[in-house]
Amino acid sequence: MLTKGRESGTVRVARCGEEVCTGPYEPVSPGSQPRDRVVVERSAAVREGRTYTVVIKPGSDDVVRSGPAGVLYAWVPLGGAMLLASVVVAGGLRRTRAAWVLAGGGTALLTAAFVAL
């Protein structure tokens, strides 16, 4: 999420395996070097032939998505936790308004991540 000072650029996905996808890296940030092959985790949102903005993990050839889609993807577990917590708040604590707020926030976060990815 906080990409300041990291090598950033784009990767065009050339090949995907079962768990990871690979492709050439084109730098955008100053001081970053182009690479013939970097590895990005395969998810439902990564497809062959598409280009994604990424940030390189320090000391490796692994990359993670950046920008709005990367941030929302990182927050998906929080959205799921908010949905589960809403059930506990409503049933166990009997705070229905707070539960609806949690459920609405979790649903909005998951929907935004789905649309962005």
PDB file of N, CA and C in Angstrom:
ATOM      1  N   MET A   1       0.816  -1.184   0.000  1.00  0.00           N
ATOM      2  CA  MET A   1       0.000   0.000   0.000  1.00  0.00           C
ATOM      3  C   MET A   1       0.865   1.255   0.000  1.00  0.00           C
ATOM      4  N   LEU A   2       1.934   1.230   0.785  1.00  0.00           N
ATOM      5  CA  LEU A   2       2.810   2.392   0.862  1.00  0.00           C
ATOM      6  C   LEU A   2       4.009   2.136  -0.045  1.00  0.00           C
ATOM      7  N   THR A   3       3.964   2.666  -1.252  1.00  0.00           N
ATOM      8  CA  THR A   3       4.959   2.322  -2.264  1.00  0.00           C
ATOM      9  C   THR A   3       6.064   3.347  -2.406  1.00  0.00           C
ATOM     10  N   LYS A   4       6.067   4.382  -1.589  1.00  0.00           N
ATOM     11  CA  LYS A   4       7.087   5.411  -1.707  1.00  0.00           C
ATOM     12  C   LYS A   4       8.472   4.815  -1.435  1.00  0.00           C
ATOM     13  N   GLY A   5       9.426   5.082  -2.344  1.00  0.00           N
ATOM     14  CA  GLY A   5      10.778   4.576  -2.191  1.00  0.00           C
ATOM     15  C   GLY A   5      10.984   3.183  -2.745  1.00  0.00           C
ATOM     16  N   ARG A   6       9.973   2.575  -3.283  1.00  0.00           N
ATOM     17  CA  ARG A   6      10.086   1.230  -3.855  1.00  0.00           C
ATOM     18  C   ARG A   6      10.203   1.324  -5.377  1.00  0.00           C
ATOM     19  N   GLU A   7      10.717   0.261  -5.976  1.00  0.00           N
ATOM     20  CA  GLU A   7      10.778   0.196  -7.432  1.00  0.00           C
ATOM     21  C   GLU A   7       9.384  -0.090  -7.960  1.00  0.00           C
ATOM     22  N   SER A   8       8.879   0.787  -8.797  1.00  0.00           N
ATOM     23  CA  SER A   8       7.547   0.566  -9.353  1.00  0.00           C
ATOM     24  C   SER A   8       7.617   0.581 -10.877  1.00  0.00           C
ATOM     25  N   GLY A   9       6.665  -0.088 -11.474  1.00  0.00           N
ATOM     26  CA  GLY A   9       6.611  -0.175 -12.928  1.00  0.00           C
ATOM     27  C   GLY A   9       5.414  -0.983 -13.369  1.00  0.00           C
ATOM     28  N   THR A  10       5.526  -1.570 -14.544  1.00  0.00           N
ATOM     29  CA  THR A  10       4.438  -2.385 -15.086  1.00  0.00           C
ATOM     30  C   THR A  10       4.976  -3.745 -15.481  1.00  0.00           C
ATOM     31  N   VAL A  11       4.114  -4.728 -15.438  1.00  0.00           N
ATOM     32  CA  VAL A  11       4.461  -6.067 -15.899  1.00  0.00           C
ATOM     33  C   VAL A  11       3.385  -6.505 -16.885  1.00  0.00           C
ATOM     34  N   ARG A  12       3.841  -7.032 -18.011  1.00  0.00           N
ATOM     35  CA  ARG A  12       2.924  -7.613 -18.992  1.00  0.00           C
ATOM     36  C   ARG A  12       2.992  -9.117 -18.802  1.00  0.00           C
ATOM     37  N   VAL A  13       1.898  -9.704 -18.359  1.00  0.00           N
ATOM     38  CA  VAL A  13       1.871 -11.125 -18.026  1.00  0.00           C
ATOM     39  C   VAL A  13       1.990 -11.943 -19.306  1.00  0.00           C
ATOM     40  N   ALA A  14       3.059 -12.733 -19.372  1.00  0.00           N
ATOM     41  CA  ALA A  14       3.322 -13.545 -20.562  1.00  0.00           C
ATOM     42  C   ALA A  14       2.887 -14.991 -20.374  1.00  0.00           C
ATOM     43  N   ARG A  15       3.040 -15.512 -19.157  1.00  0.00           N
ATOM     44  CA  ARG A  15       2.742 -16.919 -18.919  1.00  0.00           C
ATOM     45  C   ARG A  15       2.231 -17.098 -17.499  1.00  0.00           C
ATOM     46  N   CYS A  16       1.236 -17.967 -17.347  1.00  0.00           N
ATOM     47  CA  CYS A  16       0.687 -18.254 -16.018  1.00  0.00           C
ATOM     48  C   CYS A  16       0.755 -19.743 -15.732  1.00  0.00           C
ATOM     49  N   GLY A  17       1.180 -20.065 -14.521  1.00  0.00           N
ATOM     50  CA  GLY A  17       1.152 -21.435 -14.033  1.00  0.00           C
ATOM     51  C   GLY A  17      -0.039 -21.609 -13.118  1.00  0.00           C
ATOM     52  N   GLU A  18       0.035 -22.624 -12.249  1.00  0.00           N
ATOM     53  CA  GLU A  18      -1.070 -22.857 -11.328  1.00  0.00           C
ATOM     54  C   GLU A  18      -1.117 -21.832 -10.207  1.00  0.00           C
ATOM     55  N   GLU A  19       0.077 -21.381  -9.734  1.00  0.00           N
ATOM     56  CA  GLU A  19       0.111 -20.477  -8.591  1.00  0.00           C
ATOM     57  C   GLU A  19       0.688 -19.103  -8.893  1.00  0.00           C
ATOM     58  N   VAL A  20       1.521 -18.989  -9.918  1.00  0.00           N
ATOM     59  CA  VAL A  20       2.170 -17.713 -10.220  1.00  0.00           C
ATOM     60  C   VAL A  20       2.112 -17.417 -11.711  1.00  0.00           C
ATOM     61  N   CYS A  21       2.258 -16.133 -12.027  1.00  0.00           N
ATOM     62  CA  CYS A  21       2.354 -15.687 -13.410  1.00  0.00           C
ATOM     63  C   CYS A  21       3.682 -14.946 -13.567  1.00  0.00           C
ATOM     64  N   THR A  22       4.242 -14.962 -14.766  1.00  0.00           N
ATOM     65  CA  THR A  22       5.508 -14.297 -15.020  1.00  0.00           C
ATOM     66  C   THR A  22       5.394 -13.413 -16.250  1.00  0.00           C
ATOM     67  N   GLY A  23       6.328 -12.463 -16.342  1.00  0.00           N
ATOM     68  CA  GLY A  23       6.362 -11.584 -17.494  1.00  0.00           C
ATOM     69  C   GLY A  23       7.473 -10.563 -17.356  1.00  0.00           C
ATOM     70  N   PRO A  24       7.739  -9.797 -18.411  1.00  0.00           N
ATOM     71  CA  PRO A  24       8.789  -8.771 -18.353  1.00  0.00           C
ATOM     72  C   PRO A  24       8.330  -7.545 -17.580  1.00  0.00           C
ATOM     73  N   TYR A  25       9.288  -6.912 -16.923  1.00  0.00           N
ATOM     74  CA  TYR A  25       9.033  -5.742 -16.087  1.00  0.00           C
ATOM     75  C   TYR A  25       9.593  -4.498 -16.768  1.00  0.00           C
ATOM     76  N   GLU A  26       8.764  -3.476 -16.877  1.00  0.00           N
ATOM     77  CA  GLU A  26       9.171  -2.181 -17.428  1.00  0.00           C
ATOM     78  C   GLU A  26       9.114  -1.147 -16.309  1.00  0.00           C
ATOM     79  N   PRO A  27      10.246  -0.519 -15.963  1.00  0.00           N
ATOM     80  CA  PRO A  27      10.262   0.419 -14.847  1.00  0.00           C
ATOM     81  C   PRO A  27       9.560   1.734 -15.152  1.00  0.00           C
ATOM     82  N   VAL A  28       9.017   2.343 -14.107  1.00  0.00           N
ATOM     83  CA  VAL A  28       8.403   3.664 -14.177  1.00  0.00           C
ATOM     84  C   VAL A  28       9.138   4.626 -13.243  1.00  0.00           C
ATOM     85  N   SER A  29       9.565   4.120 -12.089  1.00  0.00           N
ATOM     86  CA  SER A  29      10.232   4.965 -11.104  1.00  0.00           C
ATOM     87  C   SER A  29      11.703   5.164 -11.465  1.00  0.00           C
ATOM     88  N   PRO A  30      12.272   6.297 -11.077  1.00  0.00           N
ATOM     89  CA  PRO A  30      13.689   6.533 -11.359  1.00  0.00           C
ATOM     90  C   PRO A  30      14.573   5.564 -10.563  1.00  0.00           C
ATOM     91  N   GLY A  31      15.609   5.065 -11.203  1.00  0.00           N
ATOM     92  CA  GLY A  31      16.531   4.140 -10.562  1.00  0.00           C
ATOM     93  C   GLY A  31      16.145   2.684 -10.691  1.00  0.00           C
ATOM     94  N   SER A  32      14.959   2.409 -11.137  1.00  0.00           N
ATOM     95  CA  SER A  32      14.507   1.034 -11.320  1.00  0.00           C
ATOM     96  C   SER A  32      15.031   0.499 -12.648  1.00  0.00           C
ATOM     97  N   GLN A  33      15.414  -0.760 -12.657  1.00  0.00           N
ATOM     98  CA  GLN A  33      15.973  -1.388 -13.855  1.00  0.00           C
ATOM     99  C   GLN A  33      14.955  -2.337 -14.488  1.00  0.00           C
ATOM    100  N   PRO A  34      14.937  -2.389 -15.840  1.00  0.00           N
ATOM    101  CA  PRO A  34      14.042  -3.365 -16.484  1.00  0.00           C
ATOM    102  C   PRO A  34      14.508  -4.794 -16.202  1.00  0.00           C
ATOM    103  N   ARG A  35      13.576  -5.694 -16.143  1.00  0.00           N
ATOM    104  CA  ARG A  35      13.882  -7.104 -15.880  1.00  0.00           C
ATOM    105  C   ARG A  35      13.164  -7.966 -16.899  1.00  0.00           C
ATOM    106  N   ASP A  36      13.823  -9.044 -17.291  1.00  0.00           N
ATOM    107  CA  ASP A  36      13.237  -9.945 -18.279  1.00  0.00           C
ATOM    108  C   ASP A  36      12.090 -10.769 -17.714  1.00  0.00           C
ATOM    109  N   ARG A  37      12.181 -11.066 -16.411  1.00  0.00           N
ATOM    110  CA  ARG A  37      11.172 -11.937 -15.825  1.00  0.00           C
ATOM    111  C   ARG A  37      10.959 -11.571 -14.361  1.00  0.00           C
ATOM    112  N   VAL A  38       9.714 -11.280 -14.003  1.00  0.00           N
ATOM    113  CA  VAL A  38       9.308 -11.103 -12.608  1.00  0.00           C
ATOM    114  C   VAL A  38       8.120 -12.022 -12.347  1.00  0.00           C
ATOM    115  N   VAL A  39       7.856 -12.276 -11.082  1.00  0.00           N
ATOM    116  CA  VAL A  39       6.808 -13.219 -10.684  1.00  0.00           C
ATOM    117  C   VAL A  39       5.731 -12.481  -9.915  1.00  0.00           C
ATOM    118  N   VAL A  40       4.479 -12.647 -10.335  1.00  0.00           N
ATOM    119  CA  VAL A  40       3.332 -12.080  -9.629  1.00  0.00           C
ATOM    120  C   VAL A  40       2.412 -13.237  -9.239  1.00  0.00           C
ATOM    121  N   GLU A  41       1.836 -13.144  -8.035  1.00  0.00           N
ATOM    122  CA  GLU A  41       0.942 -14.195  -7.558  1.00  0.00           C
ATOM    123  C   GLU A  41      -0.286 -14.281  -8.457  1.00  0.00           C
ATOM    124  N   ARG A  42      -0.647 -15.494  -8.804  1.00  0.00           N
ATOM    125  CA  ARG A  42      -1.821 -15.682  -9.657  1.00  0.00           C
ATOM    126  C   ARG A  42      -3.083 -15.573  -8.816  1.00  0.00           C
ATOM    127  N   SER A  43      -4.012 -14.776  -9.300  1.00  0.00           N
ATOM    128  CA  SER A  43      -5.324 -14.654  -8.671  1.00  0.00           C
ATOM    129  C   SER A  43      -6.350 -14.584  -9.788  1.00  0.00           C
ATOM    130  N   ALA A  44      -7.594 -14.467  -9.409  1.00  0.00           N
ATOM    131  CA  ALA A  44      -8.651 -14.376 -10.415  1.00  0.00           C
ATOM    132  C   ALA A  44      -8.520 -13.107 -11.238  1.00  0.00           C
ATOM    133  N   ALA A  45      -7.809 -12.116 -10.721  1.00  0.00           N
ATOM    134  CA  ALA A  45      -7.706 -10.824 -11.395  1.00  0.00           C
ATOM    135  C   ALA A  45      -6.502 -10.714 -12.319  1.00  0.00           C
ATOM    136  N   VAL A  46      -5.624 -11.720 -12.356  1.00  0.00           N
ATOM    137  CA  VAL A  46      -4.431 -11.668 -13.203  1.00  0.00           C
ATOM    138  C   VAL A  46      -4.630 -12.606 -14.386  1.00  0.00           C
ATOM    139  N   ARG A  47      -4.489 -12.054 -15.594  1.00  0.00           N
ATOM    140  CA  ARG A  47      -4.690 -12.848 -16.808  1.00  0.00           C
ATOM    141  C   ARG A  47      -3.531 -12.654 -17.769  1.00  0.00           C
ATOM    142  N   GLU A  48      -3.274 -13.661 -18.566  1.00  0.00           N
ATOM    143  CA  GLU A  48      -2.207 -13.589 -19.569  1.00  0.00           C
ATOM    144  C   GLU A  48      -2.512 -12.499 -20.592  1.00  0.00           C
ATOM    145  N   GLY A  49      -1.448 -11.771 -20.992  1.00  0.00           N
ATOM    146  CA  GLY A  49      -1.587 -10.751 -22.016  1.00  0.00           C
ATOM    147  C   GLY A  49      -1.971  -9.376 -21.504  1.00  0.00           C
ATOM    148  N   ARG A  50      -2.310  -9.250 -20.243  1.00  0.00           N
ATOM    149  CA  ARG A  50      -2.686  -7.951 -19.691  1.00  0.00           C
ATOM    150  C   ARG A  50      -1.511  -7.308 -18.983  1.00  0.00           C
ATOM    151  N   THR A  51      -1.559  -5.997 -18.849  1.00  0.00           N
ATOM    152  CA  THR A  51      -0.495  -5.238 -18.192  1.00  0.00           C
ATOM    153  C   THR A  51      -1.011  -4.678 -16.873  1.00  0.00           C
ATOM    154  N   TYR A  52      -0.180  -4.794 -15.809  1.00  0.00           N
ATOM    155  CA  TYR A  52      -0.568  -4.358 -14.478  1.00  0.00           C
ATOM    156  C   TYR A  52       0.515  -3.469 -13.884  1.00  0.00           C
ATOM    157  N   THR A  53       0.108  -2.492 -13.072  1.00  0.00           N
ATOM    158  CA  THR A  53       1.072  -1.689 -12.332  1.00  0.00           C
ATOM    159  C   THR A  53       1.475  -2.480 -11.094  1.00  0.00           C
ATOM    160  N   VAL A  54       2.773  -2.527 -10.841  1.00  0.00           N
ATOM    161  CA  VAL A  54       3.294  -3.356  -9.762  1.00  0.00           C
ATOM    162  C   VAL A  54       4.408  -2.636  -9.011  1.00  0.00           C
ATOM    163  N   VAL A  55       4.751  -3.198  -7.860  1.00  0.00           N
ATOM    164  CA  VAL A  55       5.885  -2.754  -7.050  1.00  0.00           C
ATOM    165  C   VAL A  55       6.718  -3.994  -6.748  1.00  0.00           C
ATOM    166  N   ILE A  56       8.034  -3.868  -6.883  1.00  0.00           N
ATOM    167  CA  ILE A  56       8.927  -4.998  -6.638  1.00  0.00           C
ATOM    168  C   ILE A  56       9.194  -5.133  -5.144  1.00  0.00           C
ATOM    169  N   LYS A  57       9.106  -6.374  -4.634  1.00  0.00           N
ATOM    170  CA  LYS A  57       9.475  -6.646  -3.256  1.00  0.00           C
ATOM    171  C   LYS A  57      10.990  -6.509  -3.146  1.00  0.00           C
ATOM    172  N   PRO A  58      11.495  -5.828  -2.134  1.00  0.00           N
ATOM    173  CA  PRO A  58      12.940  -5.617  -2.015  1.00  0.00           C
ATOM    174  C   PRO A  58      13.728  -6.932  -1.968  1.00  0.00           C
ATOM    175  N   GLY A  59      14.798  -6.985  -2.756  1.00  0.00           N
ATOM    176  CA  GLY A  59      15.695  -8.137  -2.744  1.00  0.00           C
ATOM    177  C   GLY A  59      15.182  -9.364  -3.465  1.00  0.00           C
ATOM    178  N   SER A  60      14.185  -9.210  -4.331  1.00  0.00           N
ATOM    179  CA  SER A  60      13.659 -10.377  -5.041  1.00  0.00           C
ATOM    180  C   SER A  60      13.135  -9.966  -6.410  1.00  0.00           C
ATOM    181  N   ASP A  61      12.652 -10.944  -7.142  1.00  0.00           N
ATOM    182  CA  ASP A  61      11.991 -10.699  -8.415  1.00  0.00           C
ATOM    183  C   ASP A  61      10.483 -10.862  -8.302  1.00  0.00           C
ATOM    184  N   ASP A  62       9.977 -10.887  -7.073  1.00  0.00           N
ATOM    185  CA  ASP A  62       8.534 -10.973  -6.836  1.00  0.00           C
ATOM    186  C   ASP A  62       7.941  -9.577  -6.861  1.00  0.00           C
ATOM    187  N   VAL A  63       6.747  -9.465  -7.431  1.00  0.00           N
ATOM    188  CA  VAL A  63       6.059  -8.179  -7.493  1.00  0.00           C
ATOM    189  C   VAL A  63       4.654  -8.319  -6.924  1.00  0.00           C
ATOM    190  N   VAL A  64       4.116  -7.203  -6.461  1.00  0.00           N
ATOM    191  CA  VAL A  64       2.729  -7.145  -5.994  1.00  0.00           C
ATOM    192  C   VAL A  64       2.033  -6.007  -6.717  1.00  0.00           C
ATOM    193  N   ARG A  65       0.745  -6.134  -6.890  1.00  0.00           N
ATOM    194  CA  ARG A  65      -0.009  -5.089  -7.579  1.00  0.00           C
ATOM    195  C   ARG A  65      -0.051  -3.823  -6.749  1.00  0.00           C
ATOM    196  N   SER A  66      -0.050  -2.695  -7.439  1.00  0.00           N
ATOM    197  CA  SER A  66      -0.122  -1.405  -6.749  1.00  0.00           C
ATOM    198  C   SER A  66      -1.312  -0.627  -7.288  1.00  0.00           C
ATOM    199  N   GLY A  67      -1.467   0.584  -6.822  1.00  0.00           N
ATOM    200  CA  GLY A  67      -2.590   1.409  -7.258  1.00  0.00           C
ATOM    201  C   GLY A  67      -3.850   1.028  -6.522  1.00  0.00           C
ATOM    202  N   PRO A  68      -4.977   1.553  -6.961  1.00  0.00           N
ATOM    203  CA  PRO A  68      -6.251   1.294  -6.274  1.00  0.00           C
ATOM    204  C   PRO A  68      -6.605  -0.196  -6.208  1.00  0.00           C
ATOM    205  N   ALA A  69      -6.350  -0.921  -7.280  1.00  0.00           N
ATOM    206  CA  ALA A  69      -6.684  -2.348  -7.281  1.00  0.00           C
ATOM    207  C   ALA A  69      -5.841  -3.110  -6.269  1.00  0.00           C
ATOM    208  N   GLY A  70      -4.561  -2.780  -6.157  1.00  0.00           N
ATOM    209  CA  GLY A  70      -3.695  -3.446  -5.196  1.00  0.00           C
ATOM    210  C   GLY A  70      -4.083  -3.154  -3.762  1.00  0.00           C
ATOM    211  N   VAL A  71      -4.441  -1.914  -3.477  1.00  0.00           N
ATOM    212  CA  VAL A  71      -4.847  -1.540  -2.125  1.00  0.00           C
ATOM    213  C   VAL A  71      -6.147  -2.251  -1.751  1.00  0.00           C
ATOM    214  N   LEU A  72      -7.115  -2.239  -2.636  1.00  0.00           N
ATOM    215  CA  LEU A  72      -8.387  -2.904  -2.336  1.00  0.00           C
ATOM    216  C   LEU A  72      -8.200  -4.412  -2.192  1.00  0.00           C
ATOM    217  N   TYR A  73      -7.326  -4.999  -3.004  1.00  0.00           N
ATOM    218  CA  TYR A  73      -7.047  -6.427  -2.908  1.00  0.00           C
ATOM    219  C   TYR A  73      -6.442  -6.758  -1.542  1.00  0.00           C
ATOM    220  N   ALA A  74      -5.593  -5.876  -1.032  1.00  0.00           N
ATOM    221  CA  ALA A  74      -4.987  -6.088   0.280  1.00  0.00           C
ATOM    222  C   ALA A  74      -6.025  -5.970   1.397  1.00  0.00           C
ATOM    223  N   TRP A  75      -7.081  -5.235   1.176  1.00  0.00           N
ATOM    224  CA  TRP A  75      -8.090  -5.009   2.208  1.00  0.00           C
ATOM    225  C   TRP A  75      -9.256  -6.000   2.149  1.00  0.00           C
ATOM    226  N   VAL A  76      -9.243  -6.947   1.235  1.00  0.00           N
ATOM    227  CA  VAL A  76     -10.326  -7.931   1.138  1.00  0.00           C
ATOM    228  C   VAL A  76     -10.504  -8.706   2.444  1.00  0.00           C
ATOM    229  N   PRO A  77      -9.427  -9.159   3.108  1.00  0.00           N
ATOM    230  CA  PRO A  77      -9.644  -9.859   4.382  1.00  0.00           C
ATOM    231  C   PRO A  77     -10.350  -8.996   5.428  1.00  0.00           C
ATOM    232  N   LEU A  78     -10.086  -7.699   5.443  1.00  0.00           N
ATOM    233  CA  LEU A  78     -10.772  -6.811   6.380  1.00  0.00           C
ATOM    234  C   LEU A  78     -12.271  -6.773   6.090  1.00  0.00           C
ATOM    235  N   GLY A  79     -12.649  -6.723   4.818  1.00  0.00           N
ATOM    236  CA  GLY A  79     -14.068  -6.724   4.459  1.00  0.00           C
ATOM    237  C   GLY A  79     -14.767  -7.991   4.918  1.00  0.00           C
ATOM    238  N   GLY A  80     -14.109  -9.135   4.739  1.00  0.00           N
ATOM    239  CA  GLY A  80     -14.681 -10.399   5.209  1.00  0.00           C
ATOM    240  C   GLY A  80     -14.793 -10.448   6.724  1.00  0.00           C
ATOM    241  N   ALA A  81     -13.784  -9.920   7.401  1.00  0.00           N
ATOM    242  CA  ALA A  81     -13.821  -9.893   8.864  1.00  0.00           C
ATOM    243  C   ALA A  81     -14.942  -8.996   9.367  1.00  0.00           C
ATOM    244  N   MET A  82     -15.180  -7.897   8.680  1.00  0.00           N
ATOM    245  CA  MET A  82     -16.267  -7.003   9.078  1.00  0.00           C
ATOM    246  C   MET A  82     -17.625  -7.693   8.932  1.00  0.00           C
ATOM    247  N   LEU A  83     -17.792  -8.458   7.853  1.00  0.00           N
ATOM    248  CA  LEU A  83     -19.045  -9.195   7.684  1.00  0.00           C
ATOM    249  C   LEU A  83     -19.243 -10.224   8.788  1.00  0.00           C
ATOM    250  N   LEU A  84     -18.196 -10.964   9.114  1.00  0.00           N
ATOM    251  CA  LEU A  84     -18.314 -11.952  10.187  1.00  0.00           C
ATOM    252  C   LEU A  84     -18.538 -11.289  11.545  1.00  0.00           C
ATOM    253  N   ALA A  85     -17.877 -10.176  11.779  1.00  0.00           N
ATOM    254  CA  ALA A  85     -18.043  -9.475  13.056  1.00  0.00           C
ATOM    255  C   ALA A  85     -19.461  -8.928  13.211  1.00  0.00           C
ATOM    256  N   SER A  86     -20.086  -8.576  12.107  1.00  0.00           N
ATOM    257  CA  SER A  86     -21.449  -8.045  12.202  1.00  0.00           C
ATOM    258  C   SER A  86     -22.417  -9.077  12.772  1.00  0.00           C
ATOM    259  N   VAL A  87     -22.195 -10.346  12.473  1.00  0.00           N
ATOM    260  CA  VAL A  87     -23.049 -11.408  13.010  1.00  0.00           C
ATOM    261  C   VAL A  87     -22.864 -11.504  14.525  1.00  0.00           C
ATOM    262  N   VAL A  88     -21.619 -11.425  14.985  1.00  0.00           N
ATOM    263  CA  VAL A  88     -21.335 -11.494  16.417  1.00  0.00           C
ATOM    264  C   VAL A  88     -21.910 -10.274  17.139  1.00  0.00           C
ATOM    265  N   VAL A  89     -21.742  -9.104  16.547  1.00  0.00           N
ATOM    266  CA  VAL A  89     -22.239  -7.875  17.170  1.00  0.00           C
ATOM    267  C   VAL A  89     -23.761  -7.900  17.254  1.00  0.00           C
ATOM    268  N   ALA A  90     -24.412  -8.372  16.218  1.00  0.00           N
ATOM    269  CA  ALA A  90     -25.882  -8.413  16.223  1.00  0.00           C
ATOM    270  C   ALA A  90     -26.412  -9.491  17.158  1.00  0.00           C
ATOM    271  N   GLY A  91     -25.855 -10.690  17.057  1.00  0.00           N
ATOM    272  CA  GLY A  91     -26.381 -11.804  17.849  1.00  0.00           C
ATOM    273  C   GLY A  91     -25.904 -11.825  19.277  1.00  0.00           C
ATOM    274  N   GLY A  92     -24.617 -11.599  19.482  1.00  0.00           N
ATOM    275  CA  GLY A  92     -24.056 -11.714  20.822  1.00  0.00           C
ATOM    276  C   GLY A  92     -24.176 -10.452  21.647  1.00  0.00           C
ATOM    277  N   LEU A  93     -23.984  -9.312  21.028  1.00  0.00           N
ATOM    278  CA  LEU A  93     -24.007  -8.051  21.770  1.00  0.00           C
ATOM    279  C   LEU A  93     -25.339  -7.323  21.670  1.00  0.00           C
ATOM    280  N   ARG A  94     -26.198  -7.791  20.789  1.00  0.00           N
ATOM    281  CA  ARG A  94     -27.521  -7.180  20.581  1.00  0.00           C
ATOM    282  C   ARG A  94     -27.422  -5.709  20.172  1.00  0.00           C
ATOM    283  N   ARG A  95     -26.439  -5.375  19.368  1.00  0.00           N
ATOM    284  CA  ARG A  95     -26.251  -4.018  18.846  1.00  0.00           C
ATOM    285  C   ARG A  95     -26.552  -4.056  17.348  1.00  0.00           C
ATOM    286  N   THR A  96     -27.817  -3.953  17.005  1.00  0.00           N
ATOM    287  CA  THR A  96     -28.205  -4.142  15.612  1.00  0.00           C
ATOM    288  C   THR A  96     -27.738  -3.002  14.706  1.00  0.00           C
ATOM    289  N   ARG A  97     -27.766  -1.787  15.185  1.00  0.00           N
ATOM    290  CA  ARG A  97     -27.320  -0.667  14.338  1.00  0.00           C
ATOM    291  C   ARG A  97     -25.837  -0.785  14.018  1.00  0.00           C
ATOM    292  N   ALA A  98     -25.046  -1.077  15.033  1.00  0.00           N
ATOM    293  CA  ALA A  98     -23.604  -1.247  14.812  1.00  0.00           C
ATOM    294  C   ALA A  98     -23.340  -2.423  13.877  1.00  0.00           C
ATOM    295  N   ALA A  99     -24.137  -3.475  14.012  1.00  0.00           N
ATOM    296  CA  ALA A  99     -23.983  -4.640  13.136  1.00  0.00           C
ATOM    297  C   ALA A  99     -24.291  -4.277  11.689  1.00  0.00           C
ATOM    298  N   TRP A 100     -25.326  -3.492  11.467  1.00  0.00           N
ATOM    299  CA  TRP A 100     -25.651  -3.078  10.106  1.00  0.00           C
ATOM    300  C   TRP A 100     -24.550  -2.195   9.515  1.00  0.00           C
ATOM    301  N   VAL A 101     -23.961  -1.346  10.330  1.00  0.00           N
ATOM    302  CA  VAL A 101     -22.856  -0.499   9.862  1.00  0.00           C
ATOM    303  C   VAL A 101     -21.661  -1.365   9.474  1.00  0.00           C
ATOM    304  N   LEU A 102     -21.320  -2.352  10.318  1.00  0.00           N
ATOM    305  CA  LEU A 102     -20.224  -3.264   9.997  1.00  0.00           C
ATOM    306  C   LEU A 102     -20.510  -4.067   8.733  1.00  0.00           C
ATOM    307  N   ALA A 103     -21.717  -4.582   8.625  1.00  0.00           N
ATOM    308  CA  ALA A 103     -22.076  -5.369   7.445  1.00  0.00           C
ATOM    309  C   ALA A 103     -22.051  -4.509   6.189  1.00  0.00           C
ATOM    310  N   GLY A 104     -22.562  -3.295   6.283  1.00  0.00           N
ATOM    311  CA  GLY A 104     -22.540  -2.399   5.122  1.00  0.00           C
ATOM    312  C   GLY A 104     -21.128  -2.021   4.711  1.00  0.00           C
ATOM    313  N   GLY A 105     -20.274  -1.733   5.690  1.00  0.00           N
ATOM    314  CA  GLY A 105     -18.881  -1.402   5.384  1.00  0.00           C
ATOM    315  C   GLY A 105     -18.137  -2.574   4.768  1.00  0.00           C
ATOM    316  N   GLY A 106     -18.318  -3.768   5.311  1.00  0.00           N
ATOM    317  CA  GLY A 106     -17.682  -4.960   4.752  1.00  0.00           C
ATOM    318  C   GLY A 106     -18.156  -5.263   3.350  1.00  0.00           C
ATOM    319  N   THR A 107     -19.454  -5.133   3.112  1.00  0.00           N
ATOM    320  CA  THR A 107     -20.007  -5.369   1.783  1.00  0.00           C
ATOM    321  C   THR A 107     -19.491  -4.343   0.791  1.00  0.00           C
ATOM    322  N   ALA A 108     -19.426  -3.080   1.195  1.00  0.00           N
ATOM    323  CA  ALA A 108     -18.915  -2.026   0.312  1.00  0.00           C
ATOM    324  C   ALA A 108     -17.456  -2.271  -0.042  1.00  0.00           C
ATOM    325  N   LEU A 109     -16.660  -2.686   0.931  1.00  0.00           N
ATOM    326  CA  LEU A 109     -15.244  -2.943   0.682  1.00  0.00           C
ATOM    327  C   LEU A 109     -15.043  -4.129  -0.256  1.00  0.00           C
ATOM    328  N   LEU A 110     -15.775  -5.213  -0.036  1.00  0.00           N
ATOM    329  CA  LEU A 110     -15.666  -6.364  -0.920  1.00  0.00           C
ATOM    330  C   LEU A 110     -16.169  -6.057  -2.332  1.00  0.00           C
ATOM    331  N   THR A 111     -17.234  -5.273  -2.435  1.00  0.00           N
ATOM    332  CA  THR A 111     -17.757  -4.902  -3.749  1.00  0.00           C
ATOM    333  C   THR A 111     -16.774  -4.015  -4.491  1.00  0.00           C
ATOM    334  N   ALA A 112     -16.181  -3.062  -3.791  1.00  0.00           N
ATOM    335  CA  ALA A 112     -15.195  -2.175  -4.422  1.00  0.00           C
ATOM    336  C   ALA A 112     -13.988  -2.959  -4.912  1.00  0.00           C
ATOM    337  N   ALA A 113     -13.529  -3.925  -4.113  1.00  0.00           N
ATOM    338  CA  ALA A 113     -12.397  -4.752  -4.529  1.00  0.00           C
ATOM    339  C   ALA A 113     -12.761  -5.600  -5.743  1.00  0.00           C
ATOM    340  N   PHE A 114     -13.958  -6.138  -5.776  1.00  0.00           N
ATOM    341  CA  PHE A 114     -14.397  -6.942  -6.908  1.00  0.00           C
ATOM    342  C   PHE A 114     -14.460  -6.109  -8.182  1.00  0.00           C
ATOM    343  N   VAL A 115     -14.986  -4.917  -8.088  1.00  0.00           N
ATOM    344  CA  VAL A 115     -15.102  -4.040  -9.260  1.00  0.00           C
ATOM    345  C   VAL A 115     -13.733  -3.574  -9.728  1.00  0.00           C
ATOM    346  N   ALA A 116     -12.852  -3.238  -8.803  1.00  0.00           N
ATOM    347  CA  ALA A 116     -11.519  -2.733  -9.166  1.00  0.00           C
ATOM    348  C   ALA A 116     -10.634  -3.812  -9.777  1.00  0.00           C
ATOM    349  N   LEU A 117     -10.805  -5.036  -9.349  1.00  0.00           N
ATOM    350  CA  LEU A 117      -9.958  -6.100  -9.864  1.00  0.00           C
ATOM    351  C   LEU A 117     -10.527  -6.654 -11.134  1.00  0.00           C
TER     352      LEU A 117
END
